[in-house]
N, C-alpha and C. Protein backbone atom coordinates (compact mmCIF):
# COMPACT_ATOMS: atom_id res chain seq x y z
N MET A 1 -0.66 23.11 15.57
CA MET A 1 0.20 22.47 14.36
C MET A 1 -0.36 23.25 12.79
N ARG A 2 -1.63 23.96 13.06
CA ARG A 2 -1.94 24.23 11.73
C ARG A 2 -1.51 25.63 11.02
N LYS A 3 -0.70 26.13 11.95
CA LYS A 3 0.12 27.37 11.39
C LYS A 3 1.57 26.87 11.21
N LYS A 4 2.19 25.97 11.24
CA LYS A 4 3.57 25.23 11.13
C LYS A 4 3.63 25.07 9.32
N THR A 5 4.75 25.32 9.05
CA THR A 5 4.73 24.68 7.56
C THR A 5 5.10 23.27 7.86
N VAL A 6 4.70 22.49 6.39
CA VAL A 6 4.66 21.15 6.24
C VAL A 6 5.95 20.37 6.70
N GLY A 7 7.07 20.94 6.11
CA GLY A 7 8.45 20.32 6.56
C GLY A 7 8.67 20.28 7.75
N THR A 8 7.96 21.11 8.98
CA THR A 8 8.40 21.00 10.23
C THR A 8 7.40 20.06 10.79
N LEU A 9 6.27 19.30 10.41
CA LEU A 9 5.42 18.54 10.95
C LEU A 9 6.27 17.22 11.11
N PRO A 10 6.19 16.40 12.02
CA PRO A 10 6.44 14.91 12.04
C PRO A 10 5.95 14.05 10.63
N TYR A 11 7.05 13.14 10.40
CA TYR A 11 7.07 12.76 9.36
C TYR A 11 5.63 11.79 8.69
N GLY A 12 4.83 11.24 9.64
CA GLY A 12 3.86 10.94 9.15
C GLY A 12 2.59 11.68 9.13
N LEU A 13 2.69 12.98 9.86
CA LEU A 13 1.77 14.12 9.35
C LEU A 13 2.11 14.87 7.76
N GLN A 14 3.31 14.67 7.51
CA GLN A 14 3.49 15.06 6.24
C GLN A 14 3.05 14.40 4.97
N LYS A 15 3.07 13.21 5.54
CA LYS A 15 2.27 12.07 4.29
C LYS A 15 1.21 12.21 4.55
N ARG A 16 -0.01 12.48 5.44
CA ARG A 16 -0.97 12.63 5.60
C ARG A 16 -1.32 13.87 4.41
N VAL A 17 -0.86 15.14 4.61
CA VAL A 17 -0.92 16.08 4.15
C VAL A 17 -0.92 16.15 2.33
N GLU A 18 0.50 15.20 2.45
CA GLU A 18 0.53 15.09 1.00
C GLU A 18 -1.00 14.32 0.36
N LEU A 19 -1.37 13.48 1.07
CA LEU A 19 -2.47 12.86 0.54
C LEU A 19 -3.60 13.81 0.71
N GLY A 20 -3.74 14.49 1.52
CA GLY A 20 -4.80 15.57 1.51
C GLY A 20 -4.99 16.44 0.02
N ARG A 21 -3.78 16.94 -0.13
CA ARG A 21 -3.07 17.49 -1.44
C ARG A 21 -3.88 16.69 -2.91
N ALA A 22 -3.36 15.67 -2.61
CA ALA A 22 -3.98 14.90 -3.92
C ALA A 22 -5.27 14.57 -3.91
N LEU A 23 -6.08 14.55 -2.86
CA LEU A 23 -7.66 14.61 -2.46
C LEU A 23 -8.16 15.95 -2.88
N ALA A 24 -7.39 16.96 -3.17
CA ALA A 24 -7.79 18.42 -3.05
C ALA A 24 -8.30 18.56 -4.43
N VAL A 25 -7.73 17.97 -5.68
CA VAL A 25 -8.45 17.88 -7.16
C VAL A 25 -9.12 16.98 -7.41
N ASN A 26 -9.74 16.09 -6.33
CA ASN A 26 -10.99 15.33 -6.52
C ASN A 26 -10.82 14.17 -7.90
N PRO A 27 -9.90 13.60 -7.28
CA PRO A 27 -9.35 12.76 -8.49
C PRO A 27 -10.39 11.26 -8.52
N GLU A 28 -10.35 10.59 -9.51
CA GLU A 28 -11.27 9.45 -9.66
C GLU A 28 -10.63 8.21 -9.27
N ILE A 29 -9.16 8.51 -9.40
CA ILE A 29 -8.25 7.54 -8.86
C ILE A 29 -6.93 8.09 -8.44
N ILE A 30 -6.46 7.33 -7.15
CA ILE A 30 -5.48 7.77 -6.34
C ILE A 30 -4.43 6.77 -6.47
N LEU A 31 -2.97 7.31 -7.02
CA LEU A 31 -2.15 5.86 -7.17
C LEU A 31 -1.09 6.32 -6.13
N LEU A 32 -0.55 5.68 -4.89
CA LEU A 32 0.05 5.71 -3.97
C LEU A 32 1.38 5.23 -4.34
N ASP A 33 2.60 5.56 -3.93
CA ASP A 33 3.69 4.99 -4.10
C ASP A 33 4.54 4.65 -2.83
N GLU A 34 4.58 3.89 -2.34
CA GLU A 34 5.01 3.29 -0.52
C GLU A 34 4.77 4.41 0.04
N PRO A 35 3.41 4.45 0.32
CA PRO A 35 3.14 5.33 1.18
C PRO A 35 3.35 5.34 2.69
N MET A 36 3.83 3.95 3.22
CA MET A 36 4.31 3.73 4.40
C MET A 36 5.38 3.82 4.72
N ALA A 37 6.39 4.08 3.55
CA ALA A 37 7.87 4.14 3.74
C ALA A 37 8.28 4.85 4.62
N GLY A 38 9.24 4.51 5.65
CA GLY A 38 9.71 5.55 6.65
C GLY A 38 8.64 5.60 7.91
N MET A 39 7.91 5.23 7.98
CA MET A 39 6.68 5.40 9.14
C MET A 39 6.73 3.97 9.97
N ASN A 40 6.89 4.94 11.66
CA ASN A 40 6.71 3.76 12.61
C ASN A 40 5.45 3.31 12.54
N GLU A 41 5.09 2.19 13.33
CA GLU A 41 4.17 1.22 13.61
C GLU A 41 2.57 2.09 13.50
N GLU A 42 2.31 2.89 14.53
CA GLU A 42 1.39 4.01 14.82
C GLU A 42 0.98 4.82 13.62
N GLU A 43 2.01 5.35 12.93
CA GLU A 43 1.69 6.16 11.55
C GLU A 43 1.22 5.03 10.70
N ARG A 44 1.96 4.10 10.23
CA ARG A 44 1.37 3.01 9.18
C ARG A 44 -0.13 2.54 9.61
N GLU A 45 -0.22 2.50 10.99
CA GLU A 45 -1.85 2.40 11.10
C GLU A 45 -2.64 3.37 10.73
N ASP A 46 -2.33 4.36 10.86
CA ASP A 46 -3.05 6.02 10.74
C ASP A 46 -3.07 6.04 9.36
N MET A 47 -2.01 5.52 8.64
CA MET A 47 -2.20 5.78 6.86
C MET A 47 -3.24 5.12 6.58
N ALA A 48 -3.05 3.82 6.84
CA ALA A 48 -3.91 2.42 6.29
C ALA A 48 -5.11 3.05 6.74
N ARG A 49 -5.51 3.52 8.03
CA ARG A 49 -7.13 3.87 8.35
C ARG A 49 -7.42 5.08 7.01
N PHE A 50 -6.83 5.85 6.78
CA PHE A 50 -7.02 7.10 6.08
C PHE A 50 -7.24 6.93 4.65
N ILE A 51 -6.10 5.59 4.17
CA ILE A 51 -6.65 4.98 2.75
C ILE A 51 -8.08 4.30 2.76
N LEU A 52 -8.15 3.41 3.88
CA LEU A 52 -9.74 2.92 3.86
C LEU A 52 -10.46 3.84 3.74
N ASP A 53 -10.32 4.90 4.63
CA ASP A 53 -11.72 5.74 4.67
C ASP A 53 -12.12 6.43 3.40
N ILE A 54 -10.96 7.09 2.40
CA ILE A 54 -10.78 7.56 1.47
C ILE A 54 -11.67 6.60 0.25
N ASN A 55 -11.21 5.25 0.22
CA ASN A 55 -11.84 4.42 -0.31
C ASN A 55 -13.41 4.54 -0.14
N GLU A 56 -13.62 4.01 1.20
CA GLU A 56 -15.39 3.74 1.44
C GLU A 56 -15.62 5.06 1.61
N GLU A 57 -15.42 6.00 1.98
CA GLU A 57 -16.33 7.22 2.41
C GLU A 57 -16.64 8.23 1.24
N LEU A 58 -15.35 8.29 0.30
CA LEU A 58 -15.01 9.27 -0.62
C LEU A 58 -15.46 8.41 -2.04
N ASN A 59 -15.46 7.13 -1.87
CA ASN A 59 -15.89 6.40 -3.04
C ASN A 59 -14.36 6.50 -4.43
N LYS A 60 -13.30 6.59 -3.66
CA LYS A 60 -12.01 6.76 -4.46
C LYS A 60 -11.60 5.34 -4.91
N THR A 61 -11.00 4.85 -6.09
CA THR A 61 -9.98 3.98 -6.41
C THR A 61 -8.90 4.24 -6.02
N ILE A 62 -8.14 3.46 -5.35
CA ILE A 62 -6.69 3.59 -5.11
C ILE A 62 -5.84 2.47 -5.46
N ILE A 63 -5.04 2.78 -6.06
CA ILE A 63 -4.03 1.81 -6.66
C ILE A 63 -2.54 2.02 -5.54
N LEU A 64 -2.23 0.99 -5.02
CA LEU A 64 -1.13 1.05 -3.74
C LEU A 64 -0.09 0.25 -4.32
N ILE A 65 1.13 1.10 -4.21
CA ILE A 65 2.35 0.38 -4.50
C ILE A 65 2.68 0.19 -3.18
N GLU A 66 3.20 -1.00 -2.71
CA GLU A 66 3.90 -1.06 -0.96
C GLU A 66 4.24 -2.45 -1.14
N HIS A 67 5.49 -2.54 -0.30
CA HIS A 67 6.12 -3.41 -0.02
C HIS A 67 5.95 -3.98 1.52
N ASP A 68 5.33 -3.25 2.09
CA ASP A 68 4.65 -3.63 3.37
C ASP A 68 3.51 -4.71 3.43
N MET A 69 3.88 -6.19 3.24
CA MET A 69 2.84 -7.07 2.72
C MET A 69 1.75 -7.11 4.00
N SER A 70 2.16 -6.85 5.28
CA SER A 70 0.90 -6.94 6.24
C SER A 70 -0.21 -5.75 6.00
N VAL A 71 0.30 -4.30 5.25
CA VAL A 71 -0.53 -3.70 5.22
C VAL A 71 -1.25 -4.10 3.75
N VAL A 72 -0.76 -4.59 2.78
CA VAL A 72 -1.24 -4.66 1.48
C VAL A 72 -2.37 -5.95 1.78
N MET A 73 -2.11 -6.61 2.83
CA MET A 73 -2.77 -7.75 2.85
C MET A 73 -4.21 -7.36 3.68
N ASP A 74 -3.72 -6.48 4.70
CA ASP A 74 -5.01 -5.97 5.58
C ASP A 74 -6.01 -5.32 5.04
N ILE A 75 -5.41 -3.90 3.77
CA ILE A 75 -6.47 -3.24 3.27
C ILE A 75 -6.82 -3.18 1.82
N SER A 76 -6.31 -4.44 1.28
CA SER A 76 -6.62 -4.42 -0.21
C SER A 76 -7.77 -5.48 -0.57
N ASP A 77 -8.52 -5.22 -1.42
CA ASP A 77 -9.76 -5.68 -2.16
C ASP A 77 -9.01 -6.75 -3.14
N ARG A 78 -7.97 -6.46 -3.74
CA ARG A 78 -7.32 -7.18 -5.08
C ARG A 78 -6.04 -6.67 -4.88
N ILE A 79 -5.18 -7.95 -5.05
CA ILE A 79 -3.50 -7.63 -5.36
C ILE A 79 -3.11 -8.05 -6.87
N MET A 80 -2.27 -7.11 -7.30
CA MET A 80 -1.39 -8.00 -8.59
C MET A 80 0.15 -7.91 -7.72
N ALA A 81 0.54 -9.48 -7.78
CA ALA A 81 2.08 -9.25 -7.60
C ALA A 81 2.58 -9.69 -9.07
N LEU A 82 3.94 -8.69 -8.69
CA LEU A 82 5.02 -8.61 -9.91
C LEU A 82 6.31 -9.59 -9.48
N ASP A 83 6.78 -9.75 -10.24
CA ASP A 83 8.15 -10.41 -10.19
C ASP A 83 9.07 -10.11 -11.09
N PHE A 84 10.00 -9.01 -11.11
CA PHE A 84 10.92 -8.34 -11.59
C PHE A 84 10.13 -7.64 -12.93
N GLY A 85 9.11 -7.13 -12.68
CA GLY A 85 8.06 -6.72 -13.60
C GLY A 85 6.82 -7.08 -14.22
N GLU A 86 7.17 -8.44 -14.02
CA GLU A 86 6.07 -9.23 -14.99
C GLU A 86 5.10 -9.61 -13.89
N LYS A 87 3.80 -9.64 -14.22
CA LYS A 87 2.68 -9.83 -13.27
C LYS A 87 2.74 -11.62 -13.25
N ILE A 88 2.77 -11.93 -12.01
CA ILE A 88 2.70 -13.40 -12.07
C ILE A 88 1.15 -13.90 -11.09
N ALA A 89 0.50 -12.89 -10.59
CA ALA A 89 -0.77 -13.21 -9.85
C ALA A 89 -1.51 -12.40 -9.90
N GLU A 90 -2.73 -12.44 -9.78
CA GLU A 90 -3.91 -11.44 -9.26
C GLU A 90 -4.90 -11.83 -8.88
N GLY A 91 -5.29 -11.38 -7.72
CA GLY A 91 -6.73 -11.79 -7.09
C GLY A 91 -7.04 -11.40 -5.68
N THR A 92 -7.49 -12.11 -4.97
CA THR A 92 -8.03 -11.47 -3.60
C THR A 92 -6.74 -11.81 -2.65
N PRO A 93 -6.62 -11.13 -1.46
CA PRO A 93 -5.38 -11.12 -0.51
C PRO A 93 -5.11 -12.80 -0.20
N GLU A 94 -6.31 -13.31 -0.22
CA GLU A 94 -6.32 -14.86 -0.03
C GLU A 94 -5.69 -15.58 -1.17
N GLN A 95 -6.10 -15.41 -2.44
CA GLN A 95 -5.90 -16.06 -3.36
C GLN A 95 -3.75 -15.89 -3.63
N ILE A 96 -3.37 -14.50 -3.38
CA ILE A 96 -2.28 -14.25 -3.61
C ILE A 96 -1.41 -14.85 -2.54
N GLN A 97 -2.08 -15.14 -1.25
CA GLN A 97 -0.92 -16.03 -0.18
C GLN A 97 -1.04 -17.17 -0.49
N ASN A 98 -1.72 -17.75 -1.35
CA ASN A 98 -1.94 -18.89 -1.25
C ASN A 98 -1.33 -19.72 -2.90
N ASN A 99 -0.97 -18.51 -3.85
CA ASN A 99 -0.62 -18.81 -5.01
C ASN A 99 0.95 -19.27 -5.06
N SER A 100 1.16 -20.26 -5.80
CA SER A 100 2.64 -21.04 -5.82
C SER A 100 3.36 -20.26 -6.41
N ASP A 101 3.21 -19.23 -7.51
CA ASP A 101 3.95 -18.45 -7.99
C ASP A 101 4.75 -17.18 -7.28
N VAL A 102 3.60 -16.72 -6.37
CA VAL A 102 4.04 -15.40 -5.60
C VAL A 102 4.98 -16.29 -4.45
N LEU A 103 4.67 -17.78 -3.96
CA LEU A 103 5.48 -17.99 -2.79
C LEU A 103 6.76 -18.57 -3.45
N ASN A 104 6.86 -18.64 -4.83
CA ASN A 104 8.05 -19.06 -5.42
C ASN A 104 9.13 -17.71 -5.20
N ALA A 105 8.55 -16.34 -5.74
CA ALA A 105 9.19 -15.50 -5.91
C ALA A 105 9.22 -14.68 -4.91
N TYR A 106 8.44 -14.67 -3.89
CA TYR A 106 8.71 -13.73 -2.97
C TYR A 106 9.00 -14.93 -1.27
N VAL A 107 8.95 -15.95 -1.47
CA VAL A 107 9.79 -16.55 -0.37
C VAL A 107 10.88 -17.43 -0.66
N GLY A 108 10.79 -17.45 -2.03
CA GLY A 108 12.46 -18.18 -2.27
C GLY A 108 12.56 -19.75 -2.79
N LYS A 109 11.23 -20.16 -2.83
CA LYS A 109 11.13 -21.77 -2.89
C LYS A 109 11.46 -21.88 -4.05
N ARG A 110 11.56 -21.24 -5.41
CA ARG A 110 11.73 -21.50 -6.56
C ARG A 110 13.75 -22.02 -6.36
N ASN A 111 14.30 -21.50 -5.47
CA ASN A 111 15.80 -21.74 -5.63
C ASN A 111 15.95 -23.04 -4.47
N GLU A 112 15.21 -23.76 -4.37
CA GLU A 112 15.15 -24.69 -3.18
C GLU A 112 15.44 -26.16 -4.14
N GLN A 113 16.27 -26.81 -3.91
CA GLN A 113 16.59 -28.22 -4.86
C GLN A 113 15.85 -29.07 -3.81
N VAL A 114 14.81 -30.18 -4.71
CA VAL A 114 14.61 -31.13 -4.26
C VAL A 114 15.72 -32.41 -4.12
N ILE A 115 16.11 -32.91 -2.82
CA ILE A 115 16.76 -33.80 -2.63
C ILE A 115 16.19 -35.19 -2.89
């Protein structure tokens, strides 16, 4: 596969090449915007492992914007939750999962009426 052009590689491999390109300049911080978008389960698991390896082995700070909450909860040390661009919570995955403002914004409890 190493002699193929990037555009002909499977989607998951293309995303890994993009991540490799970002690492090539030895950044202190890496910003990833929806790195799991369009991937199947196996590709998401591979990408999550690469992200964790980059953080742990290369000691790189990674800021991840991602809507796949299972990935976010699995690989993040700290999470900032936004609601319509406003920060509503920040903390560990456990703190975020139990935050009433986050539950209201993401689960929709704020729209429920008390009877």
